[in-house]
Amino acid sequence: MLPLNERDRKVLGRMLREIRRPITLTLWGPDGTGAGQAAELLAPLAALGPTLTLVRDRTAHPAAPEAPVITLHPDGGEARGLVFAGVPGGYLFAGLVQLLSDFDTAPPPWDPAVRRRLRRLGGSWSLVVYVAANCPPCPWVMRLAHRLALARPERFFALAVDAGLAPGVDAVPLTVVRDARTDVERGRMQGFWRPEGLLSLLTRPAPA
């Protein structure tokens, strides 16, 4: 279990008690993939969050068959929002708590022009965000991808991947955008980005 001191446990418990919506966290992955370590990190969420349930499924998840994968299921239904592959340690643990709180809050305060562009957006897009436990801005980018997947689930699939599982990724956060229908890469965004930047990327002509 995550070693929390009494102060941290109280702060985490207060945050989790503010989540009113029942949410199931499903942890996928056979033993030997790091799923046991991930289960220890997730245990305090289920212990301190009265509306949270942790379910262990020892089958591999197709998003990352060789890694632990976490999916979020509001009201015990279908998975929604961001899928996480890896062990959510460090800053990523706090980021996961933020993702849970988004199921229970009002829509993000995006500019009306951004909301209109999101409504008009066509296609189906995959957002893969490479992150690391020691990266302070990574939870912010994870949360933005998560919010887009919640706002337009028919348009966005969001996946956060521990960069340790991705050889060749040497700077995080890195977001790789692909056409989900063809798996063709549309572009990359390094570091912070905003919905406006993503929408501009998706609505300009695809490279030849």
N, C-alpha and C. Protein backbone atom coordinates (compact mmCIF):
# COMPACT_ATOMS: atom_id res chain seq x y z
N MET A 1 0.85 -1.20 0.00
CA MET A 1 0.00 0.00 0.00
C MET A 1 0.88 1.24 0.00
N LEU A 2 0.39 2.32 -0.62
CA LEU A 2 1.15 3.55 -0.66
C LEU A 2 1.41 4.04 0.77
N PRO A 3 2.70 4.30 1.11
CA PRO A 3 3.00 4.75 2.47
C PRO A 3 2.58 6.21 2.67
N LEU A 4 1.43 6.41 3.28
CA LEU A 4 0.92 7.77 3.53
C LEU A 4 1.08 8.10 5.00
N ASN A 5 1.58 9.32 5.28
CA ASN A 5 1.57 9.75 6.68
C ASN A 5 0.15 10.21 7.03
N GLU A 6 -0.05 10.51 8.28
CA GLU A 6 -1.41 10.82 8.73
C GLU A 6 -1.96 12.07 8.04
N ARG A 7 -1.11 13.08 7.86
CA ARG A 7 -1.57 14.30 7.20
C ARG A 7 -2.00 14.01 5.76
N ASP A 8 -1.16 13.28 5.02
CA ASP A 8 -1.49 12.96 3.63
C ASP A 8 -2.76 12.12 3.54
N ARG A 9 -2.91 11.20 4.47
CA ARG A 9 -4.11 10.36 4.46
C ARG A 9 -5.37 11.20 4.68
N LYS A 10 -5.28 12.20 5.55
CA LYS A 10 -6.44 13.06 5.80
C LYS A 10 -6.76 13.89 4.58
N VAL A 11 -5.72 14.44 3.94
CA VAL A 11 -5.94 15.27 2.75
C VAL A 11 -6.55 14.42 1.64
N LEU A 12 -5.98 13.24 1.39
CA LEU A 12 -6.49 12.36 0.35
C LEU A 12 -7.92 11.93 0.66
N GLY A 13 -8.19 11.57 1.92
CA GLY A 13 -9.54 11.17 2.29
C GLY A 13 -10.55 12.27 2.07
N ARG A 14 -10.17 13.52 2.39
CA ARG A 14 -11.09 14.64 2.18
C ARG A 14 -11.38 14.83 0.70
N MET A 15 -10.36 14.71 -0.14
CA MET A 15 -10.56 14.84 -1.59
C MET A 15 -11.47 13.73 -2.12
N LEU A 16 -11.24 12.52 -1.67
CA LEU A 16 -12.01 11.40 -2.19
C LEU A 16 -13.45 11.42 -1.70
N ARG A 17 -13.67 11.93 -0.50
CA ARG A 17 -15.05 12.01 0.02
C ARG A 17 -15.88 13.03 -0.74
N GLU A 18 -15.23 13.94 -1.45
CA GLU A 18 -15.96 14.92 -2.25
C GLU A 18 -16.48 14.32 -3.56
N ILE A 19 -16.00 13.14 -3.91
CA ILE A 19 -16.47 12.46 -5.13
C ILE A 19 -17.75 11.72 -4.79
N ARG A 20 -18.87 12.19 -5.31
CA ARG A 20 -20.17 11.61 -4.97
C ARG A 20 -20.57 10.47 -5.90
N ARG A 21 -20.03 10.47 -7.10
CA ARG A 21 -20.45 9.50 -8.09
C ARG A 21 -19.74 8.17 -7.88
N PRO A 22 -20.45 7.05 -7.88
CA PRO A 22 -19.78 5.75 -7.77
C PRO A 22 -18.88 5.50 -8.98
N ILE A 23 -17.65 5.12 -8.72
CA ILE A 23 -16.68 4.85 -9.79
C ILE A 23 -15.94 3.56 -9.47
N THR A 24 -15.88 2.68 -10.44
CA THR A 24 -15.10 1.46 -10.32
C THR A 24 -13.78 1.65 -11.06
N LEU A 25 -12.69 1.37 -10.37
CA LEU A 25 -11.37 1.35 -11.01
C LEU A 25 -11.03 -0.11 -11.29
N THR A 26 -10.87 -0.46 -12.55
CA THR A 26 -10.49 -1.82 -12.90
C THR A 26 -9.01 -1.85 -13.24
N LEU A 27 -8.29 -2.71 -12.54
CA LEU A 27 -6.86 -2.89 -12.78
C LEU A 27 -6.66 -4.18 -13.56
N TRP A 28 -6.16 -4.04 -14.78
CA TRP A 28 -5.95 -5.16 -15.68
C TRP A 28 -4.48 -5.57 -15.68
N GLY A 29 -4.25 -6.85 -15.97
CA GLY A 29 -2.88 -7.31 -16.17
C GLY A 29 -2.55 -8.52 -15.33
N PRO A 30 -1.91 -9.51 -15.94
CA PRO A 30 -1.51 -10.70 -15.19
C PRO A 30 -0.39 -10.40 -14.21
N ASP A 31 -0.18 -11.27 -13.26
CA ASP A 31 0.94 -11.13 -12.34
C ASP A 31 2.24 -11.10 -13.12
N GLY A 32 3.18 -10.29 -12.66
CA GLY A 32 4.45 -10.18 -13.35
C GLY A 32 4.54 -9.00 -14.29
N THR A 33 3.45 -8.26 -14.46
CA THR A 33 3.46 -7.09 -15.34
C THR A 33 3.61 -5.79 -14.57
N GLY A 34 3.71 -5.86 -13.25
CA GLY A 34 3.70 -4.66 -12.43
C GLY A 34 2.33 -4.37 -11.86
N ALA A 35 1.36 -5.25 -12.16
CA ALA A 35 -0.01 -5.02 -11.67
C ALA A 35 -0.08 -5.10 -10.15
N GLY A 36 0.76 -5.94 -9.54
CA GLY A 36 0.76 -6.03 -8.08
C GLY A 36 1.18 -4.72 -7.44
N GLN A 37 2.22 -4.09 -8.01
CA GLN A 37 2.66 -2.79 -7.50
C GLN A 37 1.58 -1.74 -7.69
N ALA A 38 0.92 -1.78 -8.86
CA ALA A 38 -0.16 -0.82 -9.11
C ALA A 38 -1.30 -1.04 -8.13
N ALA A 39 -1.60 -2.30 -7.80
CA ALA A 39 -2.68 -2.59 -6.85
C ALA A 39 -2.38 -1.99 -5.49
N GLU A 40 -1.11 -2.04 -5.07
CA GLU A 40 -0.74 -1.46 -3.78
C GLU A 40 -0.93 0.05 -3.78
N LEU A 41 -0.63 0.69 -4.90
CA LEU A 41 -0.81 2.14 -4.99
C LEU A 41 -2.28 2.53 -5.00
N LEU A 42 -3.11 1.70 -5.64
CA LEU A 42 -4.53 2.04 -5.77
C LEU A 42 -5.34 1.70 -4.52
N ALA A 43 -4.81 0.84 -3.67
CA ALA A 43 -5.57 0.39 -2.50
C ALA A 43 -6.07 1.54 -1.62
N PRO A 44 -5.26 2.60 -1.37
CA PRO A 44 -5.78 3.69 -0.53
C PRO A 44 -6.99 4.39 -1.15
N LEU A 45 -7.09 4.42 -2.47
CA LEU A 45 -8.24 5.08 -3.09
C LEU A 45 -9.53 4.37 -2.70
N ALA A 46 -9.52 3.05 -2.83
CA ALA A 46 -10.72 2.29 -2.48
C ALA A 46 -10.97 2.30 -0.98
N ALA A 47 -9.89 2.36 -0.19
CA ALA A 47 -10.05 2.34 1.26
C ALA A 47 -10.59 3.66 1.80
N LEU A 48 -10.19 4.77 1.18
CA LEU A 48 -10.56 6.09 1.70
C LEU A 48 -11.71 6.74 0.94
N GLY A 49 -12.00 6.26 -0.26
CA GLY A 49 -13.07 6.84 -1.06
C GLY A 49 -14.35 6.03 -0.93
N PRO A 50 -15.37 6.55 -0.24
CA PRO A 50 -16.59 5.76 -0.02
C PRO A 50 -17.35 5.40 -1.29
N THR A 51 -17.12 6.12 -2.38
CA THR A 51 -17.83 5.81 -3.63
C THR A 51 -16.94 5.07 -4.63
N LEU A 52 -15.72 4.71 -4.21
CA LEU A 52 -14.77 4.08 -5.13
C LEU A 52 -14.63 2.59 -4.85
N THR A 53 -14.53 1.81 -5.92
CA THR A 53 -14.35 0.37 -5.83
C THR A 53 -13.19 -0.03 -6.72
N LEU A 54 -12.30 -0.88 -6.20
CA LEU A 54 -11.17 -1.38 -6.98
C LEU A 54 -11.44 -2.83 -7.35
N VAL A 55 -11.36 -3.13 -8.64
CA VAL A 55 -11.57 -4.48 -9.16
C VAL A 55 -10.29 -4.94 -9.84
N ARG A 56 -9.85 -6.15 -9.54
CA ARG A 56 -8.63 -6.70 -10.14
C ARG A 56 -9.01 -7.72 -11.20
N ASP A 57 -8.55 -7.51 -12.43
CA ASP A 57 -8.78 -8.43 -13.54
C ASP A 57 -7.40 -8.85 -14.07
N ARG A 58 -7.10 -10.14 -13.95
CA ARG A 58 -5.75 -10.61 -14.29
C ARG A 58 -5.58 -10.95 -15.77
N THR A 59 -6.49 -10.50 -16.61
CA THR A 59 -6.29 -10.65 -18.04
C THR A 59 -5.60 -9.41 -18.59
N ALA A 60 -4.90 -9.57 -19.70
CA ALA A 60 -4.20 -8.44 -20.32
C ALA A 60 -5.20 -7.53 -21.01
N HIS A 61 -4.94 -6.24 -20.94
CA HIS A 61 -5.79 -5.26 -21.63
C HIS A 61 -5.18 -4.96 -22.99
N PRO A 62 -5.99 -4.87 -24.04
CA PRO A 62 -5.44 -4.65 -25.39
C PRO A 62 -4.68 -3.34 -25.55
N ALA A 63 -4.95 -2.36 -24.70
CA ALA A 63 -4.24 -1.08 -24.83
C ALA A 63 -2.75 -1.23 -24.53
N ALA A 64 -2.40 -2.16 -23.64
CA ALA A 64 -1.00 -2.39 -23.28
C ALA A 64 -0.91 -3.79 -22.68
N PRO A 65 -0.85 -4.83 -23.50
CA PRO A 65 -0.93 -6.21 -23.00
C PRO A 65 0.16 -6.61 -22.02
N GLU A 66 1.33 -5.94 -22.06
CA GLU A 66 2.44 -6.33 -21.20
C GLU A 66 2.62 -5.41 -20.00
N ALA A 67 1.61 -4.60 -19.70
CA ALA A 67 1.71 -3.65 -18.59
C ALA A 67 0.41 -3.65 -17.80
N PRO A 68 0.46 -3.19 -16.55
CA PRO A 68 -0.81 -2.97 -15.84
C PRO A 68 -1.58 -1.83 -16.50
N VAL A 69 -2.88 -1.97 -16.58
CA VAL A 69 -3.73 -0.96 -17.21
C VAL A 69 -4.88 -0.64 -16.26
N ILE A 70 -5.20 0.64 -16.12
CA ILE A 70 -6.30 1.08 -15.25
C ILE A 70 -7.37 1.71 -16.11
N THR A 71 -8.60 1.23 -15.96
CA THR A 71 -9.74 1.84 -16.63
C THR A 71 -10.73 2.33 -15.58
N LEU A 72 -11.47 3.37 -15.91
CA LEU A 72 -12.38 4.03 -14.98
C LEU A 72 -13.82 3.85 -15.46
N HIS A 73 -14.68 3.41 -14.54
CA HIS A 73 -16.05 3.04 -14.90
C HIS A 73 -17.04 3.79 -14.00
N PRO A 74 -17.52 4.97 -14.41
CA PRO A 74 -18.50 5.68 -13.60
C PRO A 74 -19.80 4.90 -13.53
N ASP A 75 -20.39 4.87 -12.33
CA ASP A 75 -21.65 4.16 -12.08
C ASP A 75 -21.54 2.68 -12.40
N GLY A 76 -20.32 2.14 -12.40
CA GLY A 76 -20.14 0.72 -12.65
C GLY A 76 -20.39 0.31 -14.08
N GLY A 77 -20.48 1.26 -15.00
CA GLY A 77 -20.81 0.95 -16.39
C GLY A 77 -19.58 0.81 -17.27
N GLU A 78 -19.72 1.25 -18.52
CA GLU A 78 -18.63 1.16 -19.47
C GLU A 78 -17.47 2.07 -19.06
N ALA A 79 -16.26 1.69 -19.46
CA ALA A 79 -15.09 2.53 -19.20
C ALA A 79 -15.25 3.86 -19.93
N ARG A 80 -14.90 4.95 -19.26
CA ARG A 80 -14.96 6.27 -19.87
C ARG A 80 -13.70 7.05 -19.51
N GLY A 81 -13.43 8.06 -20.32
CA GLY A 81 -12.28 8.91 -20.05
C GLY A 81 -10.98 8.23 -20.39
N LEU A 82 -9.93 8.66 -19.69
CA LEU A 82 -8.59 8.22 -20.01
C LEU A 82 -8.30 6.81 -19.50
N VAL A 83 -7.55 6.04 -20.29
CA VAL A 83 -7.03 4.74 -19.89
C VAL A 83 -5.57 4.95 -19.53
N PHE A 84 -5.13 4.35 -18.41
CA PHE A 84 -3.74 4.54 -17.95
C PHE A 84 -3.00 3.22 -18.02
N ALA A 85 -1.81 3.24 -18.65
CA ALA A 85 -0.96 2.06 -18.75
C ALA A 85 0.33 2.29 -17.98
N GLY A 86 0.57 1.47 -16.98
CA GLY A 86 1.76 1.61 -16.16
C GLY A 86 1.40 1.65 -14.69
N VAL A 87 2.35 2.05 -13.87
CA VAL A 87 2.15 2.16 -12.42
C VAL A 87 2.05 3.64 -12.07
N PRO A 88 0.92 4.09 -11.54
CA PRO A 88 0.72 5.54 -11.31
C PRO A 88 1.38 6.05 -10.04
N GLY A 89 2.70 6.10 -10.06
CA GLY A 89 3.43 6.61 -8.90
C GLY A 89 3.70 8.09 -9.00
N GLY A 90 4.25 8.65 -7.94
CA GLY A 90 4.67 10.06 -7.94
C GLY A 90 3.54 11.01 -8.29
N TYR A 91 3.85 11.96 -9.18
CA TYR A 91 2.86 12.95 -9.59
C TYR A 91 1.65 12.31 -10.27
N LEU A 92 1.85 11.15 -10.86
CA LEU A 92 0.76 10.51 -11.60
C LEU A 92 -0.34 10.01 -10.67
N PHE A 93 0.01 9.71 -9.42
CA PHE A 93 -1.02 9.30 -8.46
C PHE A 93 -1.98 10.45 -8.19
N ALA A 94 -1.42 11.64 -7.95
CA ALA A 94 -2.28 12.82 -7.75
C ALA A 94 -3.09 13.11 -9.01
N GLY A 95 -2.47 12.88 -10.18
CA GLY A 95 -3.20 13.07 -11.43
C GLY A 95 -4.38 12.14 -11.56
N LEU A 96 -4.22 10.90 -11.10
CA LEU A 96 -5.32 9.94 -11.16
C LEU A 96 -6.49 10.40 -10.29
N VAL A 97 -6.19 10.96 -9.13
CA VAL A 97 -7.25 11.49 -8.26
C VAL A 97 -8.00 12.61 -8.97
N GLN A 98 -7.28 13.46 -9.70
CA GLN A 98 -7.93 14.53 -10.46
C GLN A 98 -8.86 13.96 -11.53
N LEU A 99 -8.43 12.89 -12.18
CA LEU A 99 -9.29 12.27 -13.20
C LEU A 99 -10.59 11.78 -12.58
N LEU A 100 -10.50 11.18 -11.42
CA LEU A 100 -11.70 10.69 -10.74
C LEU A 100 -12.65 11.84 -10.41
N SER A 101 -12.09 12.97 -9.96
CA SER A 101 -12.93 14.10 -9.58
C SER A 101 -13.65 14.69 -10.78
N ASP A 102 -13.10 14.52 -11.99
CA ASP A 102 -13.73 15.09 -13.18
C ASP A 102 -15.06 14.41 -13.52
N PHE A 103 -15.27 13.19 -13.04
CA PHE A 103 -16.55 12.54 -13.28
C PHE A 103 -17.67 13.19 -12.47
N ASP A 104 -17.29 13.98 -11.48
CA ASP A 104 -18.25 14.48 -10.52
C ASP A 104 -18.35 16.00 -10.54
N THR A 105 -17.77 16.63 -11.57
CA THR A 105 -17.75 18.09 -11.61
C THR A 105 -18.37 18.59 -12.91
N ALA A 106 -18.57 19.91 -12.95
CA ALA A 106 -19.12 20.54 -14.15
C ALA A 106 -18.13 20.44 -15.30
N PRO A 107 -18.59 20.61 -16.54
CA PRO A 107 -17.67 20.59 -17.68
C PRO A 107 -16.57 21.64 -17.52
N PRO A 108 -15.41 21.42 -18.13
CA PRO A 108 -14.30 22.38 -18.02
C PRO A 108 -14.72 23.75 -18.53
N PRO A 109 -14.15 24.81 -17.97
CA PRO A 109 -14.50 26.18 -18.37
C PRO A 109 -13.81 26.58 -19.67
N TRP A 110 -14.04 25.81 -20.72
CA TRP A 110 -13.43 26.13 -22.00
C TRP A 110 -14.14 27.30 -22.65
N ASP A 111 -13.43 28.03 -23.47
CA ASP A 111 -13.98 29.14 -24.22
C ASP A 111 -15.14 28.65 -25.09
N PRO A 112 -16.22 29.44 -25.25
CA PRO A 112 -17.33 29.02 -26.10
C PRO A 112 -16.90 28.65 -27.51
N ALA A 113 -15.90 29.34 -28.04
CA ALA A 113 -15.42 29.01 -29.39
C ALA A 113 -14.82 27.61 -29.43
N VAL A 114 -14.12 27.22 -28.35
CA VAL A 114 -13.55 25.87 -28.28
C VAL A 114 -14.67 24.83 -28.23
N ARG A 115 -15.69 25.10 -27.44
CA ARG A 115 -16.81 24.15 -27.35
C ARG A 115 -17.51 24.00 -28.70
N ARG A 116 -17.66 25.10 -29.42
CA ARG A 116 -18.29 25.01 -30.74
C ARG A 116 -17.44 24.19 -31.70
N ARG A 117 -16.13 24.40 -31.68
CA ARG A 117 -15.24 23.63 -32.56
C ARG A 117 -15.25 22.15 -32.20
N LEU A 118 -15.34 21.85 -30.91
CA LEU A 118 -15.42 20.45 -30.49
C LEU A 118 -16.70 19.79 -31.00
N ARG A 119 -17.81 20.54 -30.93
CA ARG A 119 -19.08 19.97 -31.41
C ARG A 119 -19.04 19.69 -32.91
N ARG A 120 -18.32 20.53 -33.67
CA ARG A 120 -18.27 20.37 -35.12
C ARG A 120 -17.20 19.37 -35.58
N LEU A 121 -16.33 18.98 -34.68
CA LEU A 121 -15.21 18.13 -35.06
C LEU A 121 -15.69 16.77 -35.56
N GLY A 122 -15.12 16.33 -36.68
CA GLY A 122 -15.42 15.00 -37.21
C GLY A 122 -14.26 14.06 -36.96
N GLY A 123 -14.41 12.84 -37.45
CA GLY A 123 -13.35 11.85 -37.34
C GLY A 123 -13.31 11.18 -35.99
N SER A 124 -12.33 10.32 -35.82
CA SER A 124 -12.10 9.59 -34.57
C SER A 124 -10.61 9.62 -34.30
N TRP A 125 -10.23 10.07 -33.10
CA TRP A 125 -8.83 10.39 -32.83
C TRP A 125 -8.32 9.70 -31.58
N SER A 126 -7.09 9.26 -31.65
CA SER A 126 -6.41 8.64 -30.52
C SER A 126 -5.37 9.61 -29.97
N LEU A 127 -5.45 9.89 -28.68
CA LEU A 127 -4.49 10.75 -28.00
C LEU A 127 -3.68 9.88 -27.05
N VAL A 128 -2.41 9.66 -27.35
CA VAL A 128 -1.54 8.88 -26.48
C VAL A 128 -0.56 9.84 -25.81
N VAL A 129 -0.68 9.93 -24.48
CA VAL A 129 0.13 10.87 -23.71
C VAL A 129 1.19 10.07 -22.95
N TYR A 130 2.46 10.32 -23.25
CA TYR A 130 3.56 9.66 -22.55
C TYR A 130 3.93 10.50 -21.34
N VAL A 131 4.01 9.85 -20.18
CA VAL A 131 4.15 10.55 -18.92
C VAL A 131 5.20 9.85 -18.06
N ALA A 132 5.57 10.50 -16.95
CA ALA A 132 6.51 9.91 -16.00
C ALA A 132 6.14 10.36 -14.59
N ALA A 133 6.48 9.50 -13.62
CA ALA A 133 6.11 9.77 -12.24
C ALA A 133 6.76 11.02 -11.68
N ASN A 134 7.94 11.39 -12.19
CA ASN A 134 8.67 12.55 -11.67
C ASN A 134 8.47 13.81 -12.51
N CYS A 135 7.39 13.84 -13.30
CA CYS A 135 7.12 14.96 -14.22
C CYS A 135 5.95 15.79 -13.71
N PRO A 136 6.20 16.99 -13.14
CA PRO A 136 5.10 17.78 -12.58
C PRO A 136 4.01 18.16 -13.59
N PRO A 137 4.32 18.51 -14.86
CA PRO A 137 3.24 18.90 -15.77
C PRO A 137 2.46 17.72 -16.36
N CYS A 138 2.95 16.50 -16.18
CA CYS A 138 2.28 15.36 -16.83
C CYS A 138 0.82 15.18 -16.41
N PRO A 139 0.48 15.32 -15.12
CA PRO A 139 -0.93 15.18 -14.76
C PRO A 139 -1.83 16.20 -15.45
N TRP A 140 -1.32 17.41 -15.69
CA TRP A 140 -2.13 18.43 -16.36
C TRP A 140 -2.49 17.99 -17.77
N VAL A 141 -1.51 17.44 -18.51
CA VAL A 141 -1.76 17.01 -19.88
C VAL A 141 -2.65 15.76 -19.89
N MET A 142 -2.41 14.84 -18.95
CA MET A 142 -3.29 13.68 -18.80
C MET A 142 -4.74 14.12 -18.61
N ARG A 143 -4.93 15.11 -17.76
CA ARG A 143 -6.29 15.54 -17.43
C ARG A 143 -6.97 16.18 -18.63
N LEU A 144 -6.21 16.92 -19.42
CA LEU A 144 -6.80 17.53 -20.60
C LEU A 144 -7.27 16.46 -21.59
N ALA A 145 -6.44 15.44 -21.82
CA ALA A 145 -6.85 14.34 -22.70
C ALA A 145 -8.08 13.63 -22.14
N HIS A 146 -8.09 13.44 -20.83
CA HIS A 146 -9.22 12.80 -20.15
C HIS A 146 -10.51 13.61 -20.35
N ARG A 147 -10.42 14.92 -20.19
CA ARG A 147 -11.60 15.77 -20.33
C ARG A 147 -12.12 15.77 -21.76
N LEU A 148 -11.22 15.73 -22.74
CA LEU A 148 -11.66 15.65 -24.13
C LEU A 148 -12.37 14.34 -24.40
N ALA A 149 -11.85 13.25 -23.84
CA ALA A 149 -12.50 11.95 -24.03
C ALA A 149 -13.86 11.90 -23.34
N LEU A 150 -14.01 12.62 -22.24
CA LEU A 150 -15.32 12.69 -21.58
C LEU A 150 -16.29 13.56 -22.37
N ALA A 151 -15.78 14.68 -22.89
CA ALA A 151 -16.65 15.62 -23.61
C ALA A 151 -17.13 15.05 -24.93
N ARG A 152 -16.25 14.34 -25.66
CA ARG A 152 -16.61 13.79 -26.97
C ARG A 152 -16.12 12.34 -27.06
N PRO A 153 -16.75 11.43 -26.34
CA PRO A 153 -16.26 10.04 -26.33
C PRO A 153 -16.32 9.37 -27.70
N GLU A 154 -17.19 9.86 -28.57
CA GLU A 154 -17.27 9.29 -29.91
C GLU A 154 -16.14 9.79 -30.81
N ARG A 155 -15.42 10.81 -30.37
CA ARG A 155 -14.34 11.39 -31.17
C ARG A 155 -12.95 11.08 -30.63
N PHE A 156 -12.82 10.95 -29.29
CA PHE A 156 -11.49 10.83 -28.70
C PHE A 156 -11.35 9.56 -27.88
N PHE A 157 -10.23 8.86 -28.10
CA PHE A 157 -9.77 7.81 -27.20
C PHE A 157 -8.48 8.32 -26.57
N ALA A 158 -8.42 8.35 -25.25
CA ALA A 158 -7.26 8.91 -24.55
C ALA A 158 -6.55 7.81 -23.77
N LEU A 159 -5.25 7.73 -23.96
CA LEU A 159 -4.43 6.73 -23.29
C LEU A 159 -3.18 7.42 -22.75
N ALA A 160 -2.90 7.25 -21.46
CA ALA A 160 -1.65 7.72 -20.87
C ALA A 160 -0.74 6.52 -20.66
N VAL A 161 0.50 6.65 -21.06
CA VAL A 161 1.46 5.54 -20.99
C VAL A 161 2.70 5.99 -20.24
N ASP A 162 3.09 5.22 -19.24
CA ASP A 162 4.36 5.47 -18.55
C ASP A 162 5.48 5.39 -19.59
N ALA A 163 6.26 6.46 -19.70
CA ALA A 163 7.30 6.51 -20.72
C ALA A 163 8.33 5.40 -20.57
N GLY A 164 8.43 4.82 -19.37
CA GLY A 164 9.33 3.70 -19.18
C GLY A 164 8.95 2.48 -19.98
N LEU A 165 7.69 2.44 -20.45
CA LEU A 165 7.21 1.34 -21.28
C LEU A 165 7.42 1.63 -22.76
N ALA A 166 7.95 2.80 -23.09
CA ALA A 166 8.04 3.23 -24.49
C ALA A 166 9.46 3.63 -24.83
N PRO A 167 10.31 2.69 -25.24
CA PRO A 167 11.67 3.04 -25.65
C PRO A 167 11.65 4.09 -26.76
N GLY A 168 12.52 5.05 -26.65
CA GLY A 168 12.58 6.11 -27.65
C GLY A 168 11.92 7.39 -27.22
N VAL A 169 11.08 7.34 -26.18
CA VAL A 169 10.47 8.55 -25.63
C VAL A 169 11.39 9.07 -24.54
N ASP A 170 12.06 10.18 -24.78
CA ASP A 170 13.04 10.68 -23.82
C ASP A 170 12.68 12.03 -23.22
N ALA A 171 11.51 12.56 -23.56
CA ALA A 171 11.05 13.82 -22.98
C ALA A 171 9.54 13.76 -22.81
N VAL A 172 9.08 14.10 -21.62
CA VAL A 172 7.65 14.04 -21.33
C VAL A 172 7.21 15.37 -20.73
N PRO A 173 5.92 15.69 -20.82
CA PRO A 173 4.88 14.93 -21.51
C PRO A 173 4.97 15.07 -23.03
N LEU A 174 4.67 13.97 -23.70
CA LEU A 174 4.61 13.95 -25.16
C LEU A 174 3.26 13.36 -25.55
N THR A 175 2.52 14.07 -26.40
CA THR A 175 1.23 13.60 -26.87
C THR A 175 1.32 13.27 -28.36
N VAL A 176 1.01 12.03 -28.70
CA VAL A 176 1.00 11.58 -30.08
C VAL A 176 -0.45 11.44 -30.52
N VAL A 177 -0.80 12.11 -31.61
CA VAL A 177 -2.17 12.13 -32.10
C VAL A 177 -2.25 11.27 -33.36
N ARG A 178 -3.18 10.32 -33.37
CA ARG A 178 -3.36 9.44 -34.52
C ARG A 178 -4.82 9.43 -34.96
N ASP A 179 -5.02 9.19 -36.24
CA ASP A 179 -6.35 8.90 -36.75
C ASP A 179 -6.71 7.50 -36.28
N ALA A 180 -7.73 7.39 -35.44
CA ALA A 180 -8.06 6.10 -34.85
C ALA A 180 -8.57 5.10 -35.87
N ARG A 181 -9.04 5.57 -37.02
CA ARG A 181 -9.56 4.66 -38.04
C ARG A 181 -8.45 4.06 -38.88
N THR A 182 -7.39 4.81 -39.12
CA THR A 182 -6.31 4.34 -39.99
C THR A 182 -5.01 4.08 -39.25
N ASP A 183 -4.91 4.55 -37.99
CA ASP A 183 -3.71 4.47 -37.17
C ASP A 183 -2.56 5.28 -37.77
N VAL A 184 -2.87 6.24 -38.61
CA VAL A 184 -1.85 7.12 -39.18
C VAL A 184 -1.61 8.28 -38.21
N GLU A 185 -0.34 8.54 -37.93
CA GLU A 185 -0.02 9.64 -37.02
C GLU A 185 -0.34 10.97 -37.67
N ARG A 186 -1.02 11.84 -36.89
CA ARG A 186 -1.40 13.16 -37.39
C ARG A 186 -0.47 14.25 -36.89
N GLY A 187 0.15 14.02 -35.75
CA GLY A 187 1.06 15.02 -35.22
C GLY A 187 1.47 14.70 -33.81
N ARG A 188 2.44 15.49 -33.31
CA ARG A 188 2.94 15.34 -31.94
C ARG A 188 2.97 16.70 -31.27
N MET A 189 2.69 16.68 -29.97
CA MET A 189 2.72 17.90 -29.19
C MET A 189 3.58 17.65 -27.96
N GLN A 190 4.67 18.38 -27.84
CA GLN A 190 5.59 18.22 -26.72
C GLN A 190 5.24 19.21 -25.62
N GLY A 191 5.21 18.75 -24.39
CA GLY A 191 4.94 19.63 -23.26
C GLY A 191 3.46 20.01 -23.15
N PHE A 192 3.23 21.22 -22.59
CA PHE A 192 1.87 21.71 -22.42
C PHE A 192 1.21 21.96 -23.78
N TRP A 193 -0.10 21.77 -23.83
CA TRP A 193 -0.87 22.19 -25.00
C TRP A 193 -2.29 22.51 -24.54
N ARG A 194 -2.99 23.21 -25.40
CA ARG A 194 -4.37 23.60 -25.09
C ARG A 194 -5.32 23.01 -26.12
N PRO A 195 -6.61 22.92 -25.81
CA PRO A 195 -7.56 22.37 -26.79
C PRO A 195 -7.50 23.09 -28.13
N GLU A 196 -7.26 24.42 -28.11
CA GLU A 196 -7.19 25.16 -29.36
C GLU A 196 -6.09 24.62 -30.27
N GLY A 197 -4.93 24.30 -29.68
CA GLY A 197 -3.82 23.79 -30.46
C GLY A 197 -4.13 22.43 -31.06
N LEU A 198 -4.77 21.56 -30.27
CA LEU A 198 -5.14 20.25 -30.78
C LEU A 198 -6.17 20.38 -31.91
N LEU A 199 -7.17 21.23 -31.73
CA LEU A 199 -8.20 21.39 -32.75
C LEU A 199 -7.62 21.95 -34.05
N SER A 200 -6.66 22.86 -33.93
CA SER A 200 -6.01 23.38 -35.14
C SER A 200 -5.26 22.27 -35.86
N LEU A 201 -4.61 21.39 -35.09
CA LEU A 201 -3.90 20.27 -35.70
C LEU A 201 -4.84 19.34 -36.44
N LEU A 202 -6.01 19.08 -35.84
CA LEU A 202 -6.94 18.10 -36.40
C LEU A 202 -7.75 18.64 -37.57
N THR A 203 -7.89 19.96 -37.65
CA THR A 203 -8.74 20.51 -38.70
C THR A 203 -7.95 21.04 -39.91
N ARG A 204 -6.63 21.08 -39.81
CA ARG A 204 -5.88 21.47 -41.01
C ARG A 204 -5.68 20.25 -41.90
N PRO A 205 -5.42 20.44 -43.17
CA PRO A 205 -5.28 19.31 -44.09
C PRO A 205 -4.19 18.34 -43.63
N ALA A 206 -4.49 17.07 -43.76
CA ALA A 206 -3.51 16.04 -43.39
C ALA A 206 -2.32 16.11 -44.34
N PRO A 207 -1.11 15.85 -43.80
CA PRO A 207 0.07 15.86 -44.69
C PRO A 207 -0.04 14.78 -45.75
N ALA A 208 0.48 15.07 -46.90
CA ALA A 208 0.41 14.12 -48.03
C ALA A 208 1.28 12.90 -47.74
